[in-house]
Amino acid sequence: MKQKIRNNESKDIFLELIAIVFLATGGIFVKLSSLGPINTGFYRVLFSIPLLYPLVRTQLKTISKKDVLILLAAGVFLAGDIALWNLSFSYTSVANANLLTNLTPFTVVPLSYFLFKEKVPKLFLLGAGITILGVFILICGKVTPTAGNYFGDLLAFCASFFYGCFLIISYHLRDRISSSMIMFVSAFGSAATLLVMAGLAEGVQVPHGINELYPLLGLTICLQLIGHNLLAHCQGKINVNLSSIICLSQPVIASFYSFVLFSEKISVMEMLGIVIVIGGIFLVKAQYTKKSGCLEDKVDEELIS
């Protein structure tokens, strides 16, 4: 399938930065929620459905059954990301959780190879090695290391696999389906999956009062309605590689939020680890750069063919 050209216009890059600013608030609302992490994720998705409906009401008759099934599957992957990501905040810092969850290139590239038989970039292994070194420094550089910290980092890293799968599917469908439709239909798959997971792991919990509702509404509006929706919109305008690089600003913004609101501190070694991880991912992404300085659209065909 031939992918349309992304123009990478400044206004769209600015919109994605706004999306990242909203997505980075996720750890704040999860920490403020008195419900279990998985229940919190369930209500985040559930509350988004009626809010997204007015945006897609006129489009519902145009979407094919095949695309509906694909989007429901995408919702299952997003549910895996949400559950693991939310759980990770109970054990590790907001900055670490945001960084490790955004290691999506190391899901996207291998999956592209196995699913679409696309070549692995020449410097992928070098970039992966540098990134792994950065993750090792990040994990070992904690101010007060505990077994729980390492478990939280592992959860966030595993979440990146599910997030990467969701991004591949949404990027593939973005040319013919609006971002709001992607988030609306996939929400049913996410909500059903998270409800089952919550029932098995935490028991289904019902929020009572404004104190329990406002973190859930914050997650719904900032992440589902604005953050992910705006990010999905930008996927139709910005090359996937450039988009991934912009997403690397999320842990930096999240660490600022957590420092101001929760007084979370990041050690010098953790900061060094974050820089090395970003450098490793950038090395992989830089291979798609044209001589003119723009990212190749070839990657669009490699990721979705």
C-alpha atoms as a PDB file:
ATOM      1  CA  MET A   1       0.000   0.000   0.000  1.00  0.00           C
ATOM      2  CA  LYS A   2       1.449   3.351  -1.059  1.00  0.00           C
ATOM      3  CA  GLN A   3       1.581   5.815   1.804  1.00  0.00           C
ATOM      4  CA  LYS A   4       0.840   9.474   1.187  1.00  0.00           C
ATOM      5  CA  ILE A   5       3.654  11.973   1.586  1.00  0.00           C
ATOM      6  CA  ARG A   6       3.960  13.743   4.933  1.00  0.00           C
ATOM      7  CA  ASN A   7       4.930  17.413   4.532  1.00  0.00           C
ATOM      8  CA  ASN A   8       6.314  17.884   8.085  1.00  0.00           C
ATOM      9  CA  GLU A   9       5.001  21.448   8.263  1.00  0.00           C
ATOM     10  CA  SER A  10       5.952  23.622  11.244  1.00  0.00           C
ATOM     11  CA  LYS A  11       2.339  24.017  12.364  1.00  0.00           C
ATOM     12  CA  ASP A  12       1.913  20.229  12.549  1.00  0.00           C
ATOM     13  CA  ILE A  13       5.173  19.831  14.486  1.00  0.00           C
ATOM     14  CA  PHE A  14       3.897  22.488  16.901  1.00  0.00           C
ATOM     15  CA  LEU A  15       0.603  20.587  17.258  1.00  0.00           C
ATOM     16  CA  GLU A  16       2.470  17.394  18.099  1.00  0.00           C
ATOM     17  CA  LEU A  17       4.473  19.242  20.746  1.00  0.00           C
ATOM     18  CA  ILE A  18       1.177  20.372  22.267  1.00  0.00           C
ATOM     19  CA  ALA A  19       0.003  16.748  22.185  1.00  0.00           C
ATOM     20  CA  ILE A  20       3.163  15.692  24.063  1.00  0.00           C
ATOM     21  CA  VAL A  21       2.602  18.379  26.701  1.00  0.00           C
ATOM     22  CA  PHE A  22      -0.842  16.886  27.389  1.00  0.00           C
ATOM     23  CA  LEU A  23       0.358  13.261  27.237  1.00  0.00           C
ATOM     24  CA  ALA A  24       3.086  14.017  29.774  1.00  0.00           C
ATOM     25  CA  THR A  25       0.405  14.798  32.383  1.00  0.00           C
ATOM     26  CA  GLY A  26      -0.602  11.122  32.492  1.00  0.00           C
ATOM     27  CA  GLY A  27       1.644  10.199  35.403  1.00  0.00           C
ATOM     28  CA  ILE A  28       0.281  13.096  37.457  1.00  0.00           C
ATOM     29  CA  PHE A  29      -3.352  12.024  37.206  1.00  0.00           C
ATOM     30  CA  VAL A  30      -2.523   8.330  37.713  1.00  0.00           C
ATOM     31  CA  LYS A  31      -0.686   9.192  40.925  1.00  0.00           C
ATOM     32  CA  LEU A  32      -3.562  11.400  42.090  1.00  0.00           C
ATOM     33  CA  SER A  33      -6.186   8.724  41.398  1.00  0.00           C
ATOM     34  CA  SER A  34      -7.396   6.792  44.445  1.00  0.00           C
ATOM     35  CA  LEU A  35      -8.564   3.912  42.255  1.00  0.00           C
ATOM     36  CA  GLY A  36      -6.338   1.028  41.231  1.00  0.00           C
ATOM     37  CA  PRO A  37      -4.035   1.718  38.248  1.00  0.00           C
ATOM     38  CA  ILE A  38      -5.945  -0.582  35.872  1.00  0.00           C
ATOM     39  CA  ASN A  39      -9.335   0.732  36.990  1.00  0.00           C
ATOM     40  CA  THR A  40      -7.990   4.232  36.461  1.00  0.00           C
ATOM     41  CA  GLY A  41      -7.049   3.302  32.905  1.00  0.00           C
ATOM     42  CA  PHE A  42     -10.462   1.747  32.304  1.00  0.00           C
ATOM     43  CA  TYR A  43     -12.364   4.907  33.253  1.00  0.00           C
ATOM     44  CA  ARG A  44      -9.926   7.046  31.272  1.00  0.00           C
ATOM     45  CA  VAL A  45     -10.983   5.175  28.131  1.00  0.00           C
ATOM     46  CA  LEU A  46     -14.648   4.689  29.055  1.00  0.00           C
ATOM     47  CA  PHE A  47     -15.279   8.387  29.679  1.00  0.00           C
ATOM     48  CA  SER A  48     -13.716   9.273  26.327  1.00  0.00           C
ATOM     49  CA  ILE A  49     -16.321   7.355  24.288  1.00  0.00           C
ATOM     50  CA  PRO A  50     -19.282   9.773  24.750  1.00  0.00           C
ATOM     51  CA  LEU A  51     -16.933  12.756  24.345  1.00  0.00           C
ATOM     52  CA  LEU A  52     -15.561  11.453  21.046  1.00  0.00           C
ATOM     53  CA  TYR A  53     -18.932  10.369  19.659  1.00  0.00           C
ATOM     54  CA  PRO A  54     -20.060  13.840  18.422  1.00  0.00           C
ATOM     55  CA  LEU A  55     -16.797  14.101  16.460  1.00  0.00           C
ATOM     56  CA  VAL A  56     -17.342  10.835  14.579  1.00  0.00           C
ATOM     57  CA  ARG A  57     -21.149  10.484  14.420  1.00  0.00           C
ATOM     58  CA  THR A  58     -21.358  11.326  10.715  1.00  0.00           C
ATOM     59  CA  GLN A  59     -18.408   9.061   9.842  1.00  0.00           C
ATOM     60  CA  LEU A  60     -19.637   5.846  11.433  1.00  0.00           C
ATOM     61  CA  LYS A  61     -21.430   4.626   8.303  1.00  0.00           C
ATOM     62  CA  THR A  62     -18.324   5.042   6.158  1.00  0.00           C
ATOM     63  CA  ILE A  63     -15.934   2.815   8.089  1.00  0.00           C
ATOM     64  CA  SER A  64     -15.600  -0.790   6.908  1.00  0.00           C
ATOM     65  CA  LYS A  65     -16.087  -3.834   9.124  1.00  0.00           C
ATOM     66  CA  LYS A  66     -12.483  -4.840   8.455  1.00  0.00           C
ATOM     67  CA  ASP A  67     -11.176  -1.500   9.738  1.00  0.00           C
ATOM     68  CA  VAL A  68     -13.431  -1.755  12.785  1.00  0.00           C
ATOM     69  CA  LEU A  69     -11.894  -5.137  13.644  1.00  0.00           C
ATOM     70  CA  ILE A  70      -8.386  -3.777  13.110  1.00  0.00           C
ATOM     71  CA  LEU A  71      -9.110  -0.809  15.368  1.00  0.00           C
ATOM     72  CA  LEU A  72     -10.576  -3.046  18.072  1.00  0.00           C
ATOM     73  CA  ALA A  73      -7.329  -5.038  17.968  1.00  0.00           C
ATOM     74  CA  ALA A  74      -5.409  -1.757  18.210  1.00  0.00           C
ATOM     75  CA  GLY A  75      -7.487  -0.956  21.286  1.00  0.00           C
ATOM     76  CA  VAL A  76      -6.375  -4.212  22.903  1.00  0.00           C
ATOM     77  CA  PHE A  77      -2.737  -3.221  22.379  1.00  0.00           C
ATOM     78  CA  LEU A  78      -3.424   0.254  23.775  1.00  0.00           C
ATOM     79  CA  ALA A  79      -5.059  -1.366  26.811  1.00  0.00           C
ATOM     80  CA  GLY A  80      -1.873  -3.346  27.430  1.00  0.00           C
ATOM     81  CA  ASP A  81       0.133  -0.149  27.248  1.00  0.00           C
ATOM     82  CA  ILE A  82      -2.227   1.727  29.580  1.00  0.00           C
ATOM     83  CA  ALA A  83      -2.345  -1.061  32.187  1.00  0.00           C
ATOM     84  CA  LEU A  84       1.435  -1.567  32.343  1.00  0.00           C
ATOM     85  CA  TRP A  85       2.183   2.153  32.145  1.00  0.00           C
ATOM     86  CA  ASN A  86      -0.244   3.001  34.954  1.00  0.00           C
ATOM     87  CA  LEU A  87       1.112   0.179  37.103  1.00  0.00           C
ATOM     88  CA  SER A  88       4.688   1.369  36.585  1.00  0.00           C
ATOM     89  CA  PHE A  89       3.963   4.712  38.279  1.00  0.00           C
ATOM     90  CA  SER A  90       3.418   2.847  41.555  1.00  0.00           C
ATOM     91  CA  TYR A  91       7.026   1.674  41.501  1.00  0.00           C
ATOM     92  CA  THR A  92       9.240   4.013  39.488  1.00  0.00           C
ATOM     93  CA  SER A  93       9.482   7.728  38.750  1.00  0.00           C
ATOM     94  CA  VAL A  94       7.258   9.561  36.304  1.00  0.00           C
ATOM     95  CA  ALA A  95      10.295  10.470  34.167  1.00  0.00           C
ATOM     96  CA  ASN A  96      11.539   6.869  33.943  1.00  0.00           C
ATOM     97  CA  ALA A  97       8.075   5.508  33.139  1.00  0.00           C
ATOM     98  CA  ASN A  98       7.589   8.046  30.350  1.00  0.00           C
ATOM     99  CA  LEU A  99      11.031   7.430  28.875  1.00  0.00           C
ATOM    100  CA  LEU A 100      10.917   3.637  28.884  1.00  0.00           C
ATOM    101  CA  THR A 101       7.386   3.541  27.479  1.00  0.00           C
ATOM    102  CA  ASN A 102       8.536   5.655  24.533  1.00  0.00           C
ATOM    103  CA  LEU A 103      11.141   3.128  23.383  1.00  0.00           C
ATOM    104  CA  THR A 104       8.734   2.300  20.563  1.00  0.00           C
ATOM    105  CA  PRO A 105      11.341   2.304  17.755  1.00  0.00           C
ATOM    106  CA  PHE A 106      12.663  -0.963  19.128  1.00  0.00           C
ATOM    107  CA  THR A 107       9.227  -2.467  18.654  1.00  0.00           C
ATOM    108  CA  VAL A 108       8.402  -0.810  15.337  1.00  0.00           C
ATOM    109  CA  VAL A 109      11.620  -1.740  13.493  1.00  0.00           C
ATOM    110  CA  PRO A 110      11.703  -5.479  14.393  1.00  0.00           C
ATOM    111  CA  LEU A 111       7.963  -5.856  13.765  1.00  0.00           C
ATOM    112  CA  SER A 112       8.359  -4.162  10.405  1.00  0.00           C
ATOM    113  CA  TYR A 113      11.035  -6.727   9.568  1.00  0.00           C
ATOM    114  CA  PHE A 114       9.023  -9.784  10.604  1.00  0.00           C
ATOM    115  CA  LEU A 115       5.611  -8.610   9.407  1.00  0.00           C
ATOM    116  CA  PHE A 116       6.519  -6.683   6.277  1.00  0.00           C
ATOM    117  CA  LYS A 117       9.931  -8.221   5.454  1.00  0.00           C
ATOM    118  CA  GLU A 118      11.558  -4.813   5.535  1.00  0.00           C
ATOM    119  CA  LYS A 119      15.302  -4.392   5.989  1.00  0.00           C
ATOM    120  CA  VAL A 120      16.667  -3.420   9.388  1.00  0.00           C
ATOM    121  CA  PRO A 121      18.563  -0.092   9.210  1.00  0.00           C
ATOM    122  CA  LYS A 122      22.339  -0.517   9.041  1.00  0.00           C
ATOM    123  CA  LEU A 123      23.020   1.240  12.335  1.00  0.00           C
ATOM    124  CA  PHE A 124      20.033  -0.212  14.163  1.00  0.00           C
ATOM    125  CA  LEU A 125      22.118  -2.599  16.272  1.00  0.00           C
ATOM    126  CA  LEU A 126      24.562   0.188  17.167  1.00  0.00           C
ATOM    127  CA  GLY A 127      21.701   2.493  18.117  1.00  0.00           C
ATOM    128  CA  ALA A 128      20.059  -0.305  20.085  1.00  0.00           C
ATOM    129  CA  GLY A 129      23.319  -0.988  21.912  1.00  0.00           C
ATOM    130  CA  ILE A 130      23.719   2.661  22.877  1.00  0.00           C
ATOM    131  CA  THR A 131      20.097   2.789  24.029  1.00  0.00           C
ATOM    132  CA  ILE A 132      20.491  -0.355  26.142  1.00  0.00           C
ATOM    133  CA  LEU A 133      23.594   1.190  27.717  1.00  0.00           C
ATOM    134  CA  GLY A 134      21.576   4.304  28.499  1.00  0.00           C
ATOM    135  CA  VAL A 135      18.777   2.230  30.039  1.00  0.00           C
ATOM    136  CA  PHE A 136      21.343   0.354  32.157  1.00  0.00           C
ATOM    137  CA  ILE A 137      22.818   3.640  33.431  1.00  0.00           C
ATOM    138  CA  LEU A 138      19.320   5.008  34.022  1.00  0.00           C
ATOM    139  CA  ILE A 139      18.301   1.984  36.079  1.00  0.00           C
ATOM    140  CA  CYS A 140      21.559   1.800  38.038  1.00  0.00           C
ATOM    141  CA  GLY A 141      21.622   5.531  38.753  1.00  0.00           C
ATOM    142  CA  LYS A 142      18.581   5.723  41.010  1.00  0.00           C
ATOM    143  CA  VAL A 143      18.752   7.951  44.074  1.00  0.00           C
ATOM    144  CA  THR A 144      17.231   5.264  46.333  1.00  0.00           C
ATOM    145  CA  PRO A 145      17.283   1.955  44.412  1.00  0.00           C
ATOM    146  CA  THR A 146      14.803  -0.720  45.471  1.00  0.00           C
ATOM    147  CA  ALA A 147      13.492  -3.916  43.921  1.00  0.00           C
ATOM    148  CA  GLY A 148      10.217  -2.095  43.274  1.00  0.00           C
ATOM    149  CA  ASN A 149      12.006   0.574  41.211  1.00  0.00           C
ATOM    150  CA  TYR A 150      13.419  -2.047  38.872  1.00  0.00           C
ATOM    151  CA  PHE A 151      10.049  -3.777  38.598  1.00  0.00           C
ATOM    152  CA  GLY A 152       8.426  -0.463  37.665  1.00  0.00           C
ATOM    153  CA  ASP A 153      11.051   0.141  34.984  1.00  0.00           C
ATOM    154  CA  LEU A 154      10.384  -3.335  33.581  1.00  0.00           C
ATOM    155  CA  LEU A 155       6.641  -2.666  33.429  1.00  0.00           C
ATOM    156  CA  ALA A 156       7.207   0.621  31.580  1.00  0.00           C
ATOM    157  CA  PHE A 157       9.588  -1.057  29.139  1.00  0.00           C
ATOM    158  CA  CYS A 158       7.049  -3.813  28.411  1.00  0.00           C
ATOM    159  CA  ALA A 159       4.401  -1.137  27.870  1.00  0.00           C
ATOM    160  CA  SER A 160       6.492   0.234  24.992  1.00  0.00           C
ATOM    161  CA  PHE A 161       5.882  -2.980  23.027  1.00  0.00           C
ATOM    162  CA  PHE A 162       2.102  -2.603  23.238  1.00  0.00           C
ATOM    163  CA  TYR A 163       2.325   1.124  22.513  1.00  0.00           C
ATOM    164  CA  GLY A 164       4.487   0.441  19.456  1.00  0.00           C
ATOM    165  CA  CYS A 165       1.916  -2.041  18.112  1.00  0.00           C
ATOM    166  CA  PHE A 166      -0.857   0.511  18.580  1.00  0.00           C
ATOM    167  CA  LEU A 167       1.172   3.180  16.756  1.00  0.00           C
ATOM    168  CA  ILE A 168       1.874   0.895  13.796  1.00  0.00           C
ATOM    169  CA  ILE A 169      -1.828   0.172  13.348  1.00  0.00           C
ATOM    170  CA  SER A 170      -3.007   3.762  13.814  1.00  0.00           C
ATOM    171  CA  TYR A 171      -0.321   5.064  11.478  1.00  0.00           C
ATOM    172  CA  HIS A 172      -1.407   2.544   8.856  1.00  0.00           C
ATOM    173  CA  LEU A 173      -5.061   3.594   9.045  1.00  0.00           C
ATOM    174  CA  ARG A 174      -4.522   7.331   9.424  1.00  0.00           C
ATOM    175  CA  ASP A 175      -4.584   8.018   5.661  1.00  0.00           C
ATOM    176  CA  ARG A 176      -8.218   6.960   5.321  1.00  0.00           C
ATOM    177  CA  ILE A 177      -9.613   7.257   8.854  1.00  0.00           C
ATOM    178  CA  SER A 178      -9.718  10.372  11.039  1.00  0.00           C
ATOM    179  CA  SER A 179      -7.813  10.499  14.295  1.00  0.00           C
ATOM    180  CA  SER A 180     -11.053  10.854  16.282  1.00  0.00           C
ATOM    181  CA  MET A 181     -12.467   7.730  14.630  1.00  0.00           C
ATOM    182  CA  ILE A 182      -9.284   5.804  15.454  1.00  0.00           C
ATOM    183  CA  MET A 183      -9.536   6.787  19.112  1.00  0.00           C
ATOM    184  CA  PHE A 184     -13.316   6.228  19.253  1.00  0.00           C
ATOM    185  CA  VAL A 185     -13.456   2.717  17.794  1.00  0.00           C
ATOM    186  CA  SER A 186     -10.242   1.518  19.460  1.00  0.00           C
ATOM    187  CA  ALA A 187     -11.647   2.748  22.783  1.00  0.00           C
ATOM    188  CA  PHE A 188     -14.186  -0.106  22.775  1.00  0.00           C
ATOM    189  CA  GLY A 189     -11.402  -2.667  22.460  1.00  0.00           C
ATOM    190  CA  SER A 190      -9.385  -0.902  25.158  1.00  0.00           C
ATOM    191  CA  ALA A 191     -12.298  -0.513  27.582  1.00  0.00           C
ATOM    192  CA  ALA A 192     -13.378  -4.161  27.279  1.00  0.00           C
ATOM    193  CA  THR A 193      -9.815  -5.400  27.786  1.00  0.00           C
ATOM    194  CA  LEU A 194      -9.126  -3.099  30.732  1.00  0.00           C
ATOM    195  CA  LEU A 195     -12.435  -4.054  32.375  1.00  0.00           C
ATOM    196  CA  VAL A 196     -11.494  -7.732  32.278  1.00  0.00           C
ATOM    197  CA  MET A 197      -7.970  -7.003  33.528  1.00  0.00           C
ATOM    198  CA  ALA A 198      -9.272  -4.785  36.327  1.00  0.00           C
ATOM    199  CA  GLY A 199     -11.790  -7.424  37.393  1.00  0.00           C
ATOM    200  CA  LEU A 200      -9.102 -10.088  37.588  1.00  0.00           C
ATOM    201  CA  ALA A 201      -6.332  -8.011  39.173  1.00  0.00           C
ATOM    202  CA  GLU A 202      -8.039  -5.361  41.318  1.00  0.00           C
ATOM    203  CA  GLY A 203     -11.764  -5.963  41.258  1.00  0.00           C
ATOM    204  CA  VAL A 204     -13.996  -3.482  39.462  1.00  0.00           C
ATOM    205  CA  GLN A 205     -14.045  -0.200  41.388  1.00  0.00           C
ATOM    206  CA  VAL A 206     -16.593   2.600  41.073  1.00  0.00           C
ATOM    207  CA  PRO A 207     -15.489   6.234  41.597  1.00  0.00           C
ATOM    208  CA  HIS A 208     -17.448   8.288  44.114  1.00  0.00           C
ATOM    209  CA  GLY A 209     -17.305  12.043  44.559  1.00  0.00           C
ATOM    210  CA  ILE A 210     -15.355  14.752  42.800  1.00  0.00           C
ATOM    211  CA  ASN A 211     -12.048  13.792  44.459  1.00  0.00           C
ATOM    212  CA  GLU A 212     -12.131  10.384  42.770  1.00  0.00           C
ATOM    213  CA  LEU A 213     -13.601  11.652  39.510  1.00  0.00           C
ATOM    214  CA  TYR A 214     -11.355  14.593  38.642  1.00  0.00           C
ATOM    215  CA  PRO A 215      -8.137  12.561  38.060  1.00  0.00           C
ATOM    216  CA  LEU A 216     -10.122  10.242  35.770  1.00  0.00           C
ATOM    217  CA  LEU A 217     -11.612  13.174  33.878  1.00  0.00           C
ATOM    218  CA  GLY A 218      -8.155  14.737  33.690  1.00  0.00           C
ATOM    219  CA  LEU A 219      -6.786  11.580  32.079  1.00  0.00           C
ATOM    220  CA  THR A 220      -9.736  11.395  29.688  1.00  0.00           C
ATOM    221  CA  ILE A 221      -9.479  14.986  28.512  1.00  0.00           C
ATOM    222  CA  CYS A 222      -5.690  15.431  28.543  1.00  0.00           C
ATOM    223  CA  LEU A 223      -4.699  12.013  27.182  1.00  0.00           C
ATOM    224  CA  GLN A 224      -7.553  10.410  25.250  1.00  0.00           C
ATOM    225  CA  LEU A 225      -9.419  13.448  23.951  1.00  0.00           C
ATOM    226  CA  ILE A 226      -6.494  15.822  23.329  1.00  0.00           C
ATOM    227  CA  GLY A 227      -3.133  14.041  23.627  1.00  0.00           C
ATOM    228  CA  HIS A 228      -3.615  10.767  21.735  1.00  0.00           C
ATOM    229  CA  ASN A 229      -6.229  12.262  19.405  1.00  0.00           C
ATOM    230  CA  LEU A 230      -3.954  15.133  18.429  1.00  0.00           C
ATOM    231  CA  LEU A 231      -0.987  12.775  18.095  1.00  0.00           C
ATOM    232  CA  ALA A 232      -3.007  10.504  15.788  1.00  0.00           C
ATOM    233  CA  HIS A 233      -3.971  13.568  13.733  1.00  0.00           C
ATOM    234  CA  CYS A 234      -0.307  14.551  13.376  1.00  0.00           C
ATOM    235  CA  GLN A 235       0.578  11.048  12.191  1.00  0.00           C
ATOM    236  CA  GLY A 236      -1.226  11.943   8.984  1.00  0.00           C
ATOM    237  CA  LYS A 237       0.913  15.066   8.613  1.00  0.00           C
ATOM    238  CA  ILE A 238       4.376  14.198   9.988  1.00  0.00           C
ATOM    239  CA  ASN A 239       6.821  11.462   9.021  1.00  0.00           C
ATOM    240  CA  VAL A 240       6.770   8.629  11.557  1.00  0.00           C
ATOM    241  CA  ASN A 241      10.477   9.033  12.337  1.00  0.00           C
ATOM    242  CA  LEU A 242      10.260  12.759  12.982  1.00  0.00           C
ATOM    243  CA  SER A 243       7.171  12.078  15.085  1.00  0.00           C
ATOM    244  CA  SER A 244       9.091   9.544  17.188  1.00  0.00           C
ATOM    245  CA  ILE A 245      11.894  12.008  17.822  1.00  0.00           C
ATOM    246  CA  ILE A 246       9.425  14.666  18.967  1.00  0.00           C
ATOM    247  CA  CYS A 247       7.880  12.119  21.341  1.00  0.00           C
ATOM    248  CA  LEU A 248      11.244  11.864  23.100  1.00  0.00           C
ATOM    249  CA  SER A 249      10.512  15.241  24.692  1.00  0.00           C
ATOM    250  CA  GLN A 250       7.760  13.605  26.770  1.00  0.00           C
ATOM    251  CA  PRO A 251       9.986  12.281  29.611  1.00  0.00           C
ATOM    252  CA  VAL A 252      11.660  15.687  29.927  1.00  0.00           C
ATOM    253  CA  ILE A 253       8.305  17.443  30.277  1.00  0.00           C
ATOM    254  CA  ALA A 254       7.007  14.713  32.595  1.00  0.00           C
ATOM    255  CA  SER A 255      10.069  14.993  34.847  1.00  0.00           C
ATOM    256  CA  PHE A 256       9.435  18.741  35.167  1.00  0.00           C
ATOM    257  CA  TYR A 257       5.817  18.090  36.153  1.00  0.00           C
ATOM    258  CA  SER A 258       6.804  15.451  38.713  1.00  0.00           C
ATOM    259  CA  PHE A 259       9.551  17.647  40.200  1.00  0.00           C
ATOM    260  CA  VAL A 260       7.140  20.571  40.699  1.00  0.00           C
ATOM    261  CA  LEU A 261       4.148  18.551  41.959  1.00  0.00           C
ATOM    262  CA  PHE A 262       5.682  15.513  43.676  1.00  0.00           C
ATOM    263  CA  SER A 263       9.255  16.680  44.387  1.00  0.00           C
ATOM    264  CA  GLU A 264      10.610  13.686  42.475  1.00  0.00           C
ATOM    265  CA  LYS A 265      14.360  13.967  42.094  1.00  0.00           C
ATOM    266  CA  ILE A 266      16.468  12.615  39.269  1.00  0.00           C
ATOM    267  CA  SER A 267      20.102  11.744  39.959  1.00  0.00           C
ATOM    268  CA  VAL A 268      22.954  12.833  37.702  1.00  0.00           C
ATOM    269  CA  MET A 269      23.368   9.247  36.492  1.00  0.00           C
ATOM    270  CA  GLU A 270      19.668   9.015  35.640  1.00  0.00           C
ATOM    271  CA  MET A 271      19.916  12.260  33.674  1.00  0.00           C
ATOM    272  CA  LEU A 272      22.965  10.859  31.867  1.00  0.00           C
ATOM    273  CA  GLY A 273      21.043   7.678  31.109  1.00  0.00           C
ATOM    274  CA  ILE A 274      18.139   9.664  29.657  1.00  0.00           C
ATOM    275  CA  VAL A 275      20.504  11.611  27.385  1.00  0.00           C
ATOM    276  CA  ILE A 276      22.208   8.407  26.169  1.00  0.00           C
ATOM    277  CA  VAL A 277      18.868   6.688  25.514  1.00  0.00           C
ATOM    278  CA  ILE A 278      17.666   9.656  23.454  1.00  0.00           C
ATOM    279  CA  GLY A 279      20.989   9.667  21.599  1.00  0.00           C
ATOM    280  CA  GLY A 280      20.655   5.970  20.760  1.00  0.00           C
ATOM    281  CA  ILE A 281      17.149   6.364  19.385  1.00  0.00           C
ATOM    282  CA  PHE A 282      18.154   9.468  17.451  1.00  0.00           C
ATOM    283  CA  LEU A 283      20.999   7.496  15.839  1.00  0.00           C
ATOM    284  CA  VAL A 284      18.508   4.960  14.520  1.00  0.00           C
ATOM    285  CA  LYS A 285      16.133   7.648  13.313  1.00  0.00           C
ATOM    286  CA  ALA A 286      18.844   9.787  11.705  1.00  0.00           C
ATOM    287  CA  GLN A 287      19.428   7.086   9.092  1.00  0.00           C
ATOM    288  CA  TYR A 288      16.207   8.112   7.423  1.00  0.00           C
ATOM    289  CA  THR A 289      17.423  11.664   6.893  1.00  0.00           C
ATOM    290  CA  LYS A 290      17.764  12.947   3.370  1.00  0.00           C
ATOM    291  CA  LYS A 291      20.680  15.077   2.254  1.00  0.00           C
ATOM    292  CA  SER A 292      18.282  17.993   2.348  1.00  0.00           C
ATOM    293  CA  GLY A 293      17.749  17.432   6.038  1.00  0.00           C
ATOM    294  CA  CYS A 294      14.210  16.045   5.746  1.00  0.00           C
ATOM    295  CA  LEU A 295      13.224  12.543   6.769  1.00  0.00           C
ATOM    296  CA  GLU A 296      12.590  10.064   3.996  1.00  0.00           C
ATOM    297  CA  ASP A 297       9.087   8.971   3.220  1.00  0.00           C
ATOM    298  CA  LYS A 298      10.567   5.572   2.486  1.00  0.00           C
ATOM    299  CA  VAL A 299      10.010   4.674   6.120  1.00  0.00           C
ATOM    300  CA  ASP A 300       6.272   5.125   5.586  1.00  0.00           C
ATOM    301  CA  GLU A 301       6.357   2.343   3.037  1.00  0.00           C
ATOM    302  CA  GLU A 302       8.623   0.231   5.247  1.00  0.00           C
ATOM    303  CA  LEU A 303       6.392   0.435   8.285  1.00  0.00           C
ATOM    304  CA  ILE A 304       3.125   0.057   6.400  1.00  0.00           C
ATOM    305  CA  SER A 305       3.174  -1.673   3.052  1.00  0.00           C
END
